[in-house]
N, C-alpha and C. Protein backbone atom coordinates (compact mmCIF):
# COMPACT_ATOMS: atom_id res chain seq x y z
N MET A 1 53.22 98.57 79.96
CA MET A 1 54.29 99.73 80.77
C MET A 1 54.60 100.55 81.23
N ARG A 2 55.63 100.99 82.32
CA ARG A 2 55.42 102.18 83.36
C ARG A 2 55.92 102.95 82.83
N LYS A 3 55.08 104.51 82.82
CA LYS A 3 55.90 105.70 81.85
C LYS A 3 57.35 106.44 83.24
N ARG A 4 58.94 106.06 82.12
CA ARG A 4 59.78 105.80 82.64
C ARG A 4 59.93 108.03 83.23
N THR A 5 60.40 107.95 84.94
CA THR A 5 60.78 109.34 85.20
C THR A 5 62.56 109.68 85.34
N LEU A 6 62.21 110.80 85.05
CA LEU A 6 63.36 111.29 85.20
C LEU A 6 64.01 111.96 86.76
N VAL A 7 65.44 111.39 87.17
CA VAL A 7 65.59 111.65 88.45
C VAL A 7 66.83 112.73 88.43
N ARG A 8 67.16 113.94 88.79
CA ARG A 8 68.21 114.79 88.67
C ARG A 8 68.97 114.55 90.18
N HIS A 9 70.50 113.63 90.57
CA HIS A 9 71.35 113.73 91.45
C HIS A 9 71.25 115.29 91.70
N ALA A 10 71.70 115.19 92.93
CA ALA A 10 71.86 116.49 93.96
C ALA A 10 73.71 117.31 93.00
N ALA A 11 74.02 116.59 92.96
CA ALA A 11 75.70 117.42 92.12
C ALA A 11 74.85 117.91 90.65
N ALA A 12 73.42 116.57 90.06
CA ALA A 12 73.60 117.68 88.67
C ALA A 12 72.23 118.80 89.01
N GLN A 13 71.64 118.53 89.84
CA GLN A 13 71.16 119.92 90.37
C GLN A 13 72.18 121.37 90.42
N ARG A 14 73.18 120.92 91.23
CA ARG A 14 74.19 121.80 91.27
C ARG A 14 74.81 122.36 90.51
N ASP A 15 74.91 121.21 89.19
CA ASP A 15 75.85 121.68 87.82
C ASP A 15 75.19 122.56 87.03
N MET A 16 73.85 122.60 86.71
CA MET A 16 72.95 122.72 86.42
C MET A 16 72.74 124.74 86.76
N ALA A 17 72.55 124.33 87.49
CA ALA A 17 72.60 126.02 88.16
C ALA A 17 73.38 126.48 88.14
N GLU A 18 74.58 126.02 88.29
CA GLU A 18 75.88 126.54 88.16
C GLU A 18 76.40 127.31 86.85
N ALA A 19 76.10 126.38 85.92
CA ALA A 19 76.32 126.31 84.70
C ALA A 19 74.89 128.06 83.77
N THR A 20 73.89 127.16 84.66
CA THR A 20 72.84 128.95 84.40
C THR A 20 72.96 130.02 84.34
N ALA A 21 73.73 130.19 86.34
CA ALA A 21 74.50 131.57 86.39
C ALA A 21 75.55 132.11 85.61
N PHE A 22 76.47 130.93 85.73
CA PHE A 22 77.46 131.46 85.13
C PHE A 22 76.84 131.84 83.06
N VAL A 23 76.11 131.11 82.05
CA VAL A 23 75.56 131.91 80.94
C VAL A 23 74.98 133.13 80.94
N ARG A 24 74.23 133.43 82.49
CA ARG A 24 73.67 134.14 82.70
C ARG A 24 74.65 135.72 82.56
N ASP A 25 75.67 135.32 83.75
CA ASP A 25 76.42 136.06 83.55
C ASP A 25 77.21 137.13 82.74
N HIS A 26 77.91 135.60 81.62
CA HIS A 26 78.49 136.01 80.61
C HIS A 26 77.77 136.56 79.55
N CYS A 27 76.57 135.88 79.55
CA CYS A 27 76.04 135.85 77.52
C CYS A 27 74.72 136.44 78.23
N GLY A 28 73.91 136.70 79.38
CA GLY A 28 72.87 136.98 79.23
C GLY A 28 71.57 136.52 79.62
N ALA A 29 70.37 136.69 80.09
CA ALA A 29 69.70 135.73 80.33
C ALA A 29 69.24 134.66 79.20
N ASP A 30 68.99 135.88 77.70
CA ASP A 30 68.70 134.69 76.78
C ASP A 30 69.56 133.76 76.77
N ALA A 31 70.49 133.79 76.44
CA ALA A 31 71.28 132.14 76.46
C ALA A 31 71.24 131.41 77.51
N ALA A 32 71.07 132.60 78.69
CA ALA A 32 70.47 131.27 79.93
C ALA A 32 69.70 130.73 79.52
N ASN A 33 68.60 131.20 78.98
CA ASN A 33 67.00 130.34 78.60
C ASN A 33 67.30 129.52 78.08
N LEU A 34 67.85 129.57 77.17
CA LEU A 34 67.96 128.72 75.74
C LEU A 34 69.46 127.29 76.04
N PHE A 35 69.94 127.54 77.41
CA PHE A 35 70.06 126.26 78.29
C PHE A 35 69.87 125.88 78.90
N VAL A 36 68.07 126.22 79.53
CA VAL A 36 67.83 125.52 80.10
C VAL A 36 67.05 124.79 79.55
N ASP A 37 66.53 125.64 78.31
CA ASP A 37 65.14 125.39 77.33
C ASP A 37 66.06 123.36 76.53
N THR A 38 67.36 123.90 75.93
CA THR A 38 68.20 123.14 75.37
C THR A 38 68.11 121.70 76.82
N LEU A 39 68.56 121.47 77.74
CA LEU A 39 68.76 120.77 78.97
C LEU A 39 67.22 120.20 79.15
N ASP A 40 65.97 120.40 78.94
CA ASP A 40 64.90 120.32 78.73
C ASP A 40 64.83 119.70 77.65
N LEU A 41 65.00 119.74 76.70
CA LEU A 41 64.08 119.09 75.89
C LEU A 41 65.13 117.68 75.51
N THR A 42 66.52 118.08 76.14
CA THR A 42 67.62 116.76 76.29
C THR A 42 66.86 115.46 77.11
N PHE A 43 66.57 116.00 78.22
CA PHE A 43 65.93 114.90 79.53
C PHE A 43 64.28 114.49 79.11
N ALA A 44 63.88 115.43 77.87
CA ALA A 44 62.43 114.90 77.17
C ALA A 44 62.81 113.72 76.84
N LYS A 45 64.21 113.95 75.63
CA LYS A 45 64.68 113.05 74.33
C LYS A 45 65.56 111.88 74.96
N LEU A 46 65.67 111.47 76.44
CA LEU A 46 66.56 110.50 76.87
C LEU A 46 65.18 109.61 77.58
N LEU A 47 64.10 110.58 78.16
CA LEU A 47 62.71 109.59 78.51
C LEU A 47 62.07 108.55 77.69
N ARG A 48 61.93 109.29 76.03
CA ARG A 48 61.73 108.54 74.78
C ARG A 48 62.90 107.41 74.35
N LEU A 49 63.92 107.58 74.31
CA LEU A 49 64.94 107.11 73.72
C LEU A 49 66.38 107.26 74.93
N PRO A 50 66.47 106.09 75.87
CA PRO A 50 67.08 105.96 77.19
C PRO A 50 68.55 105.44 76.73
N LEU A 51 68.88 104.95 75.29
CA LEU A 51 70.66 104.52 74.99
C LEU A 51 70.43 105.77 74.23
N LEU A 52 70.24 106.79 73.59
CA LEU A 52 70.53 107.58 72.89
C LEU A 52 72.31 108.22 73.05
N GLY A 53 72.83 108.55 74.02
CA GLY A 53 73.65 108.90 74.82
C GLY A 53 74.93 107.17 74.65
N ARG A 54 76.11 107.77 74.86
CA ARG A 54 77.60 106.23 74.37
C ARG A 54 77.27 106.29 75.76
N PRO A 55 77.93 105.30 75.69
CA PRO A 55 78.17 104.16 77.31
C PRO A 55 79.72 105.54 77.33
N TRP A 56 79.59 105.46 78.63
CA TRP A 56 81.01 105.95 79.12
C TRP A 56 82.14 104.92 79.64
N PRO A 57 83.39 104.94 78.78
CA PRO A 57 84.54 104.07 79.22
C PRO A 57 85.24 104.50 80.61
N THR A 58 85.16 103.49 81.42
CA THR A 58 85.75 103.41 82.99
C THR A 58 85.73 101.75 83.06
N GLN A 59 86.59 101.62 83.89
CA GLN A 59 87.03 100.64 84.97
C GLN A 59 85.73 100.81 86.33
N ASN A 60 85.72 102.23 86.61
CA ASN A 60 85.07 101.96 88.10
C ASN A 60 83.94 101.53 87.85
N PRO A 61 84.10 100.37 89.12
CA PRO A 61 82.18 99.58 89.29
C PRO A 61 81.35 100.39 89.44
N ASN A 62 81.38 101.67 89.98
CA ASN A 62 80.56 102.82 90.80
C ASN A 62 79.68 103.72 89.61
N LEU A 63 80.91 102.63 88.22
CA LEU A 63 79.98 103.84 87.55
C LEU A 63 79.46 103.36 86.41
N ALA A 64 79.57 102.15 86.72
CA ALA A 64 78.86 100.89 85.92
C ALA A 64 77.45 101.26 85.00
N GLY A 65 77.57 101.15 83.97
CA GLY A 65 76.12 101.58 83.15
C GLY A 65 75.95 103.04 83.01
N LEU A 66 76.71 103.78 82.77
CA LEU A 66 76.48 105.25 82.71
C LEU A 66 76.97 105.81 81.44
N ARG A 67 76.29 106.32 81.07
CA ARG A 67 76.27 107.02 79.41
C ARG A 67 76.18 108.89 79.39
N ARG A 68 77.11 109.35 78.54
CA ARG A 68 77.12 110.78 78.24
C ARG A 68 76.27 111.20 76.66
N LEU A 69 75.49 112.08 76.91
CA LEU A 69 75.03 112.44 76.05
C LEU A 69 75.36 113.79 76.01
N VAL A 70 75.98 114.45 74.58
CA VAL A 70 76.74 115.90 74.33
C VAL A 70 75.17 116.58 73.87
N LEU A 71 75.51 117.99 74.23
CA LEU A 71 74.39 118.84 74.43
C LEU A 71 74.41 119.59 72.62
N PRO A 72 73.69 119.91 72.14
CA PRO A 72 73.49 119.67 70.88
C PRO A 72 73.40 121.14 70.36
N GLU A 73 74.70 121.55 69.82
CA GLU A 73 75.45 123.07 69.32
C GLU A 73 75.59 123.99 71.32
N LEU A 74 76.52 122.55 71.82
CA LEU A 74 76.52 123.99 73.42
C LEU A 74 78.04 122.79 73.89
N PRO A 75 78.63 123.33 74.95
CA PRO A 75 79.64 122.56 75.16
C PRO A 75 79.67 121.60 76.59
N PHE A 76 78.53 120.89 76.62
CA PHE A 76 78.15 120.45 77.72
C PHE A 76 77.78 119.16 77.36
N SER A 77 77.69 118.08 78.63
CA SER A 77 76.99 117.09 78.49
C SER A 77 76.49 116.35 79.84
N VAL A 78 75.57 115.54 79.21
CA VAL A 78 74.93 114.86 80.45
C VAL A 78 75.24 113.49 80.38
N PHE A 79 75.56 113.15 81.93
CA PHE A 79 76.08 111.53 82.22
C PHE A 79 75.22 111.58 82.74
N TYR A 80 74.25 110.23 82.77
CA TYR A 80 73.17 109.91 82.88
C TYR A 80 73.38 108.03 83.08
N ARG A 81 72.73 107.51 84.42
CA ARG A 81 72.79 105.70 83.97
C ARG A 81 70.61 105.58 83.53
N PRO A 82 70.68 104.82 82.47
CA PRO A 82 69.26 104.66 82.38
C PRO A 82 68.87 103.15 83.01
N ALA A 83 67.65 103.28 83.53
CA ALA A 83 67.29 101.39 83.13
C ALA A 83 65.55 101.31 83.06
N ASP A 84 65.12 100.61 83.36
CA ASP A 84 63.40 100.48 82.46
C ASP A 84 62.66 101.69 82.82
N ILE A 85 62.78 101.82 83.98
CA ILE A 85 61.71 103.12 84.74
C ILE A 85 62.20 104.59 85.08
N VAL A 86 63.53 104.60 85.15
CA VAL A 86 63.64 105.36 85.94
C VAL A 86 64.86 106.07 84.71
N ILE A 87 65.18 107.40 84.85
CA ILE A 87 66.71 107.21 83.87
C ILE A 87 67.63 108.50 85.06
N GLU A 88 67.95 108.34 85.32
CA GLU A 88 69.28 109.15 86.82
C GLU A 88 70.42 110.07 86.43
N VAL A 89 69.96 111.59 86.55
CA VAL A 89 71.09 112.32 85.83
C VAL A 89 71.64 112.77 86.72
N VAL A 90 73.54 111.99 86.51
CA VAL A 90 74.46 112.38 87.22
C VAL A 90 74.52 113.53 87.28
N ARG A 91 75.59 113.96 86.31
CA ARG A 91 75.74 115.46 86.31
C ARG A 91 75.54 115.90 85.10
N VAL A 92 75.83 117.39 84.81
CA VAL A 92 75.92 118.37 83.37
C VAL A 92 77.13 118.11 83.52
N LEU A 93 77.97 118.25 82.40
CA LEU A 93 79.34 118.82 83.18
C LEU A 93 79.97 119.77 81.56
N HIS A 94 80.60 120.73 81.45
CA HIS A 94 81.31 121.99 80.46
C HIS A 94 82.32 120.57 79.93
N HIS A 95 82.69 120.44 78.33
CA HIS A 95 83.39 120.07 78.15
C HIS A 95 84.48 120.80 78.82
N ALA A 96 84.93 121.84 79.40
CA ALA A 96 86.33 122.35 79.13
C ALA A 96 86.97 121.73 80.76
N ARG A 97 86.03 120.95 81.91
CA ARG A 97 86.62 120.32 82.87
C ARG A 97 87.21 119.24 82.95
N HIS A 98 87.94 119.02 84.06
CA HIS A 98 88.58 117.47 83.63
C HIS A 98 87.52 116.93 84.33
N ILE A 99 87.02 116.31 83.41
CA ILE A 99 85.67 115.00 83.34
C ILE A 99 85.70 114.30 84.40
N PRO A 100 86.42 113.08 84.33
CA PRO A 100 86.70 112.13 84.93
C PRO A 100 86.92 112.11 86.68
N PRO A 101 87.79 112.75 87.34
CA PRO A 101 87.36 112.83 88.61
C PRO A 101 86.73 113.52 89.00
N LEU A 102 85.51 114.87 88.25
CA LEU A 102 84.23 115.12 89.22
C LEU A 102 83.29 113.55 88.74
N LEU A 103 83.11 112.46 87.92
CA LEU A 103 82.80 111.69 87.67
C LEU A 103 82.48 110.60 88.55
N GLU A 104 83.74 110.48 89.79
CA GLU A 104 84.69 109.42 90.83
C GLU A 104 83.71 110.21 92.06
N GLU A 105 83.12 111.39 91.80
CA GLU A 105 82.29 111.85 93.09
C GLU A 105 81.40 111.26 93.37
N ILE A 106 80.22 110.36 92.24
CA ILE A 106 79.11 110.45 92.41
C ILE A 106 78.41 109.01 92.80
């Protein structure tokens, strides 16, 4: 069996950069580092357990197969699509945001 890889879409990379900067500016460097470490651990888990998150309920065929994994102890979720050899991370969004329209952009 081939080893899975993780691919971060441009929107997810932008989400992570913006969230890290926000956490750093409002909570300090230690909190920003914790956020990044939590994301890294979450991505490692997804590579081992790709169905860990819950399916995202949608009628949009462009979002078929999308799953949501809530980060532990943080108000963020990772939205991703699992496949046999690739995990596609499409967004990393704060829970206070209005998520459905942001997912329509992928």
